[in-house]
Protein backbone atom coordinates (compact mmCIF):
# COMPACT_ATOMS: atom_id res chain seq x y z
CA MET A 1 -0.02 0.06 -0.01
CA LYS A 2 1.28 3.48 -0.92
CA THR A 3 1.19 6.16 1.75
CA ILE A 4 0.44 9.66 0.71
CA HIS A 5 1.17 12.65 2.98
CA PHE A 6 -0.30 16.12 2.59
CA ALA A 7 0.63 19.10 4.74
CA ILE A 8 -0.34 22.80 4.64
CA SER A 9 1.05 25.86 6.59
CA ILE A 10 -1.32 28.32 8.09
CA ASN A 11 -0.11 31.61 8.94
CA ALA A 12 -2.14 32.07 12.12
CA PRO A 13 -1.83 31.05 15.79
CA LYS A 14 -2.93 27.55 16.64
CA GLU A 15 -5.53 28.79 18.94
CA LYS A 16 -7.32 30.77 16.06
CA VAL A 17 -7.11 27.72 13.86
CA TRP A 18 -8.59 25.56 16.45
CA HIS A 19 -11.47 27.90 17.18
CA THR A 20 -12.15 28.53 13.53
CA MET A 21 -12.61 24.69 12.72
CA LEU A 22 -13.66 23.08 16.04
CA ASP A 23 -15.81 25.69 17.77
CA PRO A 24 -19.25 23.96 17.69
CA GLU A 25 -20.86 26.82 15.66
CA ASN A 26 -17.97 27.19 13.36
CA PHE A 27 -17.79 23.34 12.89
CA LYS A 28 -21.43 23.44 11.55
CA ILE A 29 -20.51 26.26 9.13
CA TRP A 30 -17.76 24.36 7.29
CA THR A 31 -19.30 20.91 7.44
CA ALA A 32 -22.29 22.25 5.75
CA GLU A 33 -20.60 21.59 2.40
CA PHE A 34 -21.13 17.92 2.84
CA CYS A 35 -23.81 17.48 5.43
CA GLU A 36 -25.76 20.74 6.33
CA GLY A 37 -26.60 20.78 10.00
CA SER A 38 -24.20 18.32 11.05
CA TYR A 39 -22.65 18.56 14.59
CA PHE A 40 -20.62 16.76 16.97
CA GLU A 41 -21.05 15.59 20.74
CA GLY A 42 -18.27 14.88 22.94
CA SER A 43 -14.73 16.54 23.56
CA TRP A 44 -11.78 16.99 21.12
CA ALA A 45 -9.43 16.35 24.04
CA LYS A 46 -6.90 13.59 23.47
CA GLY A 47 -8.39 10.07 24.43
CA SER A 48 -11.89 11.40 24.55
CA LYS A 49 -14.96 10.10 22.58
CA ILE A 50 -16.58 12.21 20.00
CA LYS A 51 -19.59 11.46 17.75
CA PHE A 52 -20.35 13.06 14.50
CA LEU A 53 -23.89 13.51 13.88
CA THR A 54 -26.46 14.42 11.07
CA PRO A 55 -29.36 16.90 11.95
CA ASP A 56 -31.43 13.85 12.74
CA GLY A 57 -29.10 12.51 15.23
CA GLU A 58 -27.73 9.71 12.93
CA ASN A 59 -24.10 8.73 13.08
CA ILE A 60 -21.96 10.23 10.18
CA HIS A 61 -19.62 7.48 8.63
CA SER A 62 -17.33 7.61 5.77
CA GLN A 63 -15.28 4.93 3.94
CA CYS A 64 -11.96 5.47 2.05
CA HIS A 65 -11.30 3.42 -1.13
């Protein structure tokens, strides 16, 4: 299997990037592109559990091919 690595540099403090992407309201904005109204329940802390849900409360799943 071939491993591919992508990286991007963002010229902003990590706290701003974190807030922009993972604040609950901001998360809803950028995830609207693939599932409008999606949200998460749980914590982003290392070792914590988190669930990604549709507006109906269904789990969001993905599969890579």
